[in-house]
C-alpha atoms as a PDB file:
ATOM      1  CA  MET A   1       7.561   9.690 -20.192  1.00  0.00           C
ATOM      2  CA  ALA A   2       9.530   8.442 -23.146  1.00  0.00           C
ATOM      3  CA  ASN A   3       8.079   5.777 -25.402  1.00  0.00           C
ATOM      4  CA  PRO A   4       9.441   2.460 -24.072  1.00  0.00           C
ATOM      5  CA  PHE A   5       9.178   0.986 -27.593  1.00  0.00           C
ATOM      6  CA  ALA A   6      11.160   3.768 -29.313  1.00  0.00           C
ATOM      7  CA  GLU A   7      14.270   1.627 -29.672  1.00  0.00           C
ATOM      8  CA  SER A   8      12.527  -1.567 -30.777  1.00  0.00           C
ATOM      9  CA  LYS A   9      12.900  -2.871 -34.322  1.00  0.00           C
ATOM     10  CA  THR A  10       9.145  -3.422 -34.581  1.00  0.00           C
ATOM     11  CA  PHE A  11       8.434   0.215 -33.721  1.00  0.00           C
ATOM     12  CA  HIS A  12      10.832   1.357 -36.451  1.00  0.00           C
ATOM     13  CA  LYS A  13       9.394  -1.097 -38.995  1.00  0.00           C
ATOM     14  CA  ILE A  14       5.951   0.398 -38.371  1.00  0.00           C
ATOM     15  CA  GLY A  15       7.452   3.868 -38.877  1.00  0.00           C
ATOM     16  CA  HIS A  16       9.014   2.706 -42.118  1.00  0.00           C
ATOM     17  CA  VAL A  17       5.639   1.568 -43.460  1.00  0.00           C
ATOM     18  CA  THR A  18       3.782   4.697 -42.355  1.00  0.00           C
ATOM     19  CA  ASN A  19       6.475   7.243 -43.292  1.00  0.00           C
ATOM     20  CA  THR A  20       8.928   5.997 -45.899  1.00  0.00           C
ATOM     21  CA  ILE A  21       6.600   4.201 -48.289  1.00  0.00           C
ATOM     22  CA  PRO A  22       4.179   7.137 -48.826  1.00  0.00           C
ATOM     23  CA  LEU A  23       7.043   9.655 -49.107  1.00  0.00           C
ATOM     24  CA  LYS A  24       8.723   7.612 -51.821  1.00  0.00           C
ATOM     25  CA  VAL A  25       5.933   8.743 -54.163  1.00  0.00           C
ATOM     26  CA  LEU A  26       4.876  12.042 -52.548  1.00  0.00           C
ATOM     27  CA  PRO A  27       7.061  15.148 -52.260  1.00  0.00           C
ATOM     28  CA  THR A  28       8.969  15.202 -48.996  1.00  0.00           C
ATOM     29  CA  PRO A  29       8.183  18.177 -46.756  1.00  0.00           C
ATOM     30  CA  ARG A  30      10.968  20.571 -45.739  1.00  0.00           C
ATOM     31  CA  GLY A  31      12.982  18.873 -42.999  1.00  0.00           C
ATOM     32  CA  ILE A  32      12.405  15.340 -44.275  1.00  0.00           C
ATOM     33  CA  ALA A  33      14.422  13.406 -46.833  1.00  0.00           C
ATOM     34  CA  ILE A  34      14.342   9.919 -48.268  1.00  0.00           C
ATOM     35  CA  VAL A  35      17.794   8.343 -48.227  1.00  0.00           C
ATOM     36  CA  SER A  36      18.563   5.280 -50.343  1.00  0.00           C
ATOM     37  CA  THR A  37      21.611   3.333 -49.227  1.00  0.00           C
ATOM     38  CA  THR A  38      23.202   0.076 -50.320  1.00  0.00           C
ATOM     39  CA  GLY A  39      22.662  -2.671 -47.759  1.00  0.00           C
ATOM     40  CA  ARG A  40      25.972  -3.593 -46.167  1.00  0.00           C
ATOM     41  CA  LYS A  41      25.061  -7.303 -46.027  1.00  0.00           C
ATOM     42  CA  THR A  42      22.666  -7.784 -48.943  1.00  0.00           C
ATOM     43  CA  GLY A  43      23.877  -5.198 -51.442  1.00  0.00           C
ATOM     44  CA  LYS A  44      20.218  -4.299 -52.041  1.00  0.00           C
ATOM     45  CA  THR A  45      18.900  -0.746 -52.060  1.00  0.00           C
ATOM     46  CA  ARG A  46      17.510   0.243 -48.662  1.00  0.00           C
ATOM     47  CA  THR A  47      15.288   3.309 -48.421  1.00  0.00           C
ATOM     48  CA  ARG A  48      14.421   5.253 -45.289  1.00  0.00           C
ATOM     49  CA  ALA A  49      12.669   8.519 -44.426  1.00  0.00           C
ATOM     50  CA  ILE A  50      14.866  10.607 -42.143  1.00  0.00           C
ATOM     51  CA  ARG A  51      14.732  14.038 -40.581  1.00  0.00           C
ATOM     52  CA  ALA A  52      17.213  16.012 -42.659  1.00  0.00           C
ATOM     53  CA  VAL A  53      17.850  19.660 -43.420  1.00  0.00           C
ATOM     54  CA  GLN A  54      19.604  21.083 -46.476  1.00  0.00           C
ATOM     55  CA  ASP A  55      22.172  23.825 -45.963  1.00  0.00           C
ATOM     56  CA  GLY A  56      23.794  24.775 -49.246  1.00  0.00           C
ATOM     57  CA  GLY A  57      25.564  21.779 -50.782  1.00  0.00           C
ATOM     58  CA  GLN A  58      25.064  19.600 -47.707  1.00  0.00           C
ATOM     59  CA  VAL A  59      22.128  17.867 -46.143  1.00  0.00           C
ATOM     60  CA  TYR A  60      22.463  17.267 -42.412  1.00  0.00           C
ATOM     61  CA  ALA A  61      20.788  14.403 -40.603  1.00  0.00           C
ATOM     62  CA  VAL A  62      21.112  12.723 -37.244  1.00  0.00           C
ATOM     63  CA  ALA A  63      21.200   8.976 -36.702  1.00  0.00           C
ATOM     64  CA  LEU A  64      19.017   9.007 -33.601  1.00  0.00           C
ATOM     65  CA  LEU A  65      19.855   5.485 -32.466  1.00  0.00           C
ATOM     66  CA  GLY A  66      23.598   5.906 -33.078  1.00  0.00           C
ATOM     67  CA  LYS A  67      25.291   2.617 -33.900  1.00  0.00           C
ATOM     68  CA  LYS A  68      21.917   0.815 -33.882  1.00  0.00           C
ATOM     69  CA  THR A  69      20.757   2.875 -36.879  1.00  0.00           C
ATOM     70  CA  ALA A  70      20.692   0.632 -39.967  1.00  0.00           C
ATOM     71  CA  TRP A  71      21.058   3.452 -42.518  1.00  0.00           C
ATOM     72  CA  LEU A  72      24.143   4.724 -40.639  1.00  0.00           C
ATOM     73  CA  ALA A  73      25.743   1.265 -40.728  1.00  0.00           C
ATOM     74  CA  ASN A  74      24.991   1.113 -44.460  1.00  0.00           C
ATOM     75  CA  VAL A  75      26.585   4.509 -45.236  1.00  0.00           C
ATOM     76  CA  ARG A  76      29.627   3.592 -43.166  1.00  0.00           C
ATOM     77  CA  ALA A  77      30.055   0.565 -45.443  1.00  0.00           C
ATOM     78  CA  ASN A  78      29.222   2.448 -48.662  1.00  0.00           C
ATOM     79  CA  PRO A  79      28.872   6.250 -48.434  1.00  0.00           C
ATOM     80  CA  LYS A  80      27.380   6.681 -51.932  1.00  0.00           C
ATOM     81  CA  VAL A  81      23.652   7.349 -51.568  1.00  0.00           C
ATOM     82  CA  LYS A  82      20.637   8.820 -53.332  1.00  0.00           C
ATOM     83  CA  ILE A  83      18.705  11.422 -51.402  1.00  0.00           C
ATOM     84  CA  LYS A  84      15.242  12.746 -52.199  1.00  0.00           C
ATOM     85  CA  LEU A  85      14.418  16.309 -51.173  1.00  0.00           C
ATOM     86  CA  GLY A  86      10.968  17.500 -52.165  1.00  0.00           C
ATOM     87  CA  THR A  87      10.427  15.976 -55.600  1.00  0.00           C
ATOM     88  CA  LYS A  88      14.078  15.807 -56.671  1.00  0.00           C
ATOM     89  CA  THR A  89      16.391  12.851 -56.090  1.00  0.00           C
ATOM     90  CA  VAL A  90      20.142  13.458 -56.266  1.00  0.00           C
ATOM     91  CA  SER A  91      23.344  11.537 -55.643  1.00  0.00           C
ATOM     92  CA  ALA A  92      25.356  12.320 -52.547  1.00  0.00           C
ATOM     93  CA  THR A  93      28.231  11.066 -50.450  1.00  0.00           C
ATOM     94  CA  ALA A  94      27.628  10.549 -46.730  1.00  0.00           C
ATOM     95  CA  ARG A  95      30.142  11.217 -43.987  1.00  0.00           C
ATOM     96  CA  GLU A  96      30.030  11.626 -40.243  1.00  0.00           C
ATOM     97  CA  VAL A  97      30.520  15.186 -39.034  1.00  0.00           C
ATOM     98  CA  THR A  98      33.455  15.405 -36.631  1.00  0.00           C
ATOM     99  CA  ASP A  99      34.653  19.002 -37.090  1.00  0.00           C
ATOM    100  CA  PRO A 100      33.253  21.153 -34.222  1.00  0.00           C
ATOM    101  CA  GLU A 101      32.685  24.165 -36.502  1.00  0.00           C
ATOM    102  CA  GLU A 102      30.738  22.127 -39.054  1.00  0.00           C
ATOM    103  CA  ARG A 103      28.797  20.435 -36.273  1.00  0.00           C
ATOM    104  CA  ALA A 104      27.780  23.889 -34.948  1.00  0.00           C
ATOM    105  CA  ARG A 105      26.746  24.933 -38.480  1.00  0.00           C
ATOM    106  CA  ALA A 106      24.750  21.721 -38.849  1.00  0.00           C
ATOM    107  CA  ALA A 107      23.052  22.292 -35.474  1.00  0.00           C
ATOM    108  CA  SER A 108      22.010  25.814 -36.443  1.00  0.00           C
ATOM    109  CA  ALA A 109      20.491  24.491 -39.689  1.00  0.00           C
ATOM    110  CA  TYR A 110      18.855  21.453 -38.049  1.00  0.00           C
ATOM    111  CA  HIS A 111      17.312  23.171 -35.024  1.00  0.00           C
ATOM    112  CA  PRO A 112      14.783  25.710 -36.372  1.00  0.00           C
ATOM    113  CA  ILE A 113      12.915  23.586 -38.908  1.00  0.00           C
ATOM    114  CA  VAL A 114       9.623  22.432 -37.364  1.00  0.00           C
ATOM    115  CA  GLY A 115       7.043  20.837 -39.618  1.00  0.00           C
ATOM    116  CA  TRP A 116       3.701  19.215 -38.929  1.00  0.00           C
ATOM    117  CA  TYR A 117       5.404  15.789 -38.920  1.00  0.00           C
ATOM    118  CA  ASP A 118       7.616  16.832 -35.969  1.00  0.00           C
ATOM    119  CA  TYR A 119       4.555  17.099 -33.751  1.00  0.00           C
ATOM    120  CA  PHE A 120       3.561  13.518 -34.630  1.00  0.00           C
ATOM    121  CA  ASP A 121       7.126  12.292 -34.053  1.00  0.00           C
ATOM    122  CA  TYR A 122       7.151  14.033 -30.678  1.00  0.00           C
ATOM    123  CA  VAL A 123       3.954  12.279 -29.630  1.00  0.00           C
ATOM    124  CA  ASN A 124       5.321   8.921 -30.885  1.00  0.00           C
ATOM    125  CA  PHE A 125       8.701   9.191 -29.166  1.00  0.00           C
ATOM    126  CA  VAL A 126       8.067  11.296 -26.062  1.00  0.00           C
ATOM    127  CA  TRP A 127       4.442  10.367 -25.369  1.00  0.00           C
ATOM    128  CA  ALA A 128       3.472  13.896 -24.348  1.00  0.00           C
ATOM    129  CA  ILE A 129       1.535  16.842 -25.749  1.00  0.00           C
ATOM    130  CA  PRO A 130       3.811  18.720 -28.168  1.00  0.00           C
ATOM    131  CA  THR A 131       4.451  22.434 -28.344  1.00  0.00           C
ATOM    132  CA  LYS A 132       6.887  24.179 -30.667  1.00  0.00           C
ATOM    133  CA  ALA A 133       9.249  24.863 -27.749  1.00  0.00           C
ATOM    134  CA  LYS A 134       9.165  21.197 -26.685  1.00  0.00           C
ATOM    135  CA  VAL A 135       9.775  20.024 -30.263  1.00  0.00           C
ATOM    136  CA  LEU A 136      12.752  22.395 -30.638  1.00  0.00           C
ATOM    137  CA  ALA A 137      14.195  21.262 -27.298  1.00  0.00           C
ATOM    138  CA  THR A 138      13.835  17.660 -28.443  1.00  0.00           C
ATOM    139  CA  HIS A 139      15.589  18.474 -31.744  1.00  0.00           C
ATOM    140  CA  ASP A 140      18.525  19.870 -29.753  1.00  0.00           C
ATOM    141  CA  GLN A 141      18.639  16.853 -27.447  1.00  0.00           C
ATOM    142  CA  LEU A 142      18.486  14.343 -30.300  1.00  0.00           C
ATOM    143  CA  PHE A 143      21.126  16.291 -32.215  1.00  0.00           C
ATOM    144  CA  ASP A 144      23.455  16.341 -29.201  1.00  0.00           C
ATOM    145  CA  GLU A 145      22.977  12.632 -28.443  1.00  0.00           C
ATOM    146  CA  GLY A 146      22.862  11.273 -32.004  1.00  0.00           C
ATOM    147  CA  THR A 147      25.445  10.759 -34.718  1.00  0.00           C
ATOM    148  CA  VAL A 148      25.509  13.738 -37.081  1.00  0.00           C
ATOM    149  CA  VAL A 149      25.850  12.859 -40.765  1.00  0.00           C
ATOM    150  CA  ALA A 150      26.458  15.182 -43.694  1.00  0.00           C
ATOM    151  CA  PHE A 151      25.371  14.200 -47.176  1.00  0.00           C
ATOM    152  CA  ASP A 152      27.566  16.114 -49.620  1.00  0.00           C
ATOM    153  CA  LEU A 153      25.377  16.628 -52.680  1.00  0.00           C
ATOM    154  CA  ASP A 154      26.933  15.948 -56.065  1.00  0.00           C
ATOM    155  CA  SER A 155      27.606  19.023 -58.172  1.00  0.00           C
ATOM    156  CA  GLU A 156      24.502  18.540 -60.358  1.00  0.00           C
ATOM    157  CA  ALA A 157      22.236  19.018 -57.291  1.00  0.00           C
END
């Protein structure tokens, strides 16, 4: 059974407090990034922990809620972002991935990374006991249903 609250703003605000705030000061684990966007309405910096995987000069992420995803709306308005990977924060430019070949490359990079945090996310979103196979299947489903975004890292990254 899927979490009936998974698409609520309150659920995501709780996730922001429990995930983003600690990871702003701690190193992000492999498969997680902190993205800082410019708010499309306020112009203020907005920071969010996201599941993201680096592949060379790109970092791939999926906006799980599609057009409801606030960070996606912000990068559509202003694609210049800061992205924290591990302990290093770099500048990047966000863009939606539309090329089928790049999307396949992004999927192959996104799929195999399973960290301890993925098991907690699985429990939070799916409300079931996680296994590695279930987590990987969920990654594929979320990737296929979400909006794939590439963050092109600036040359100094």
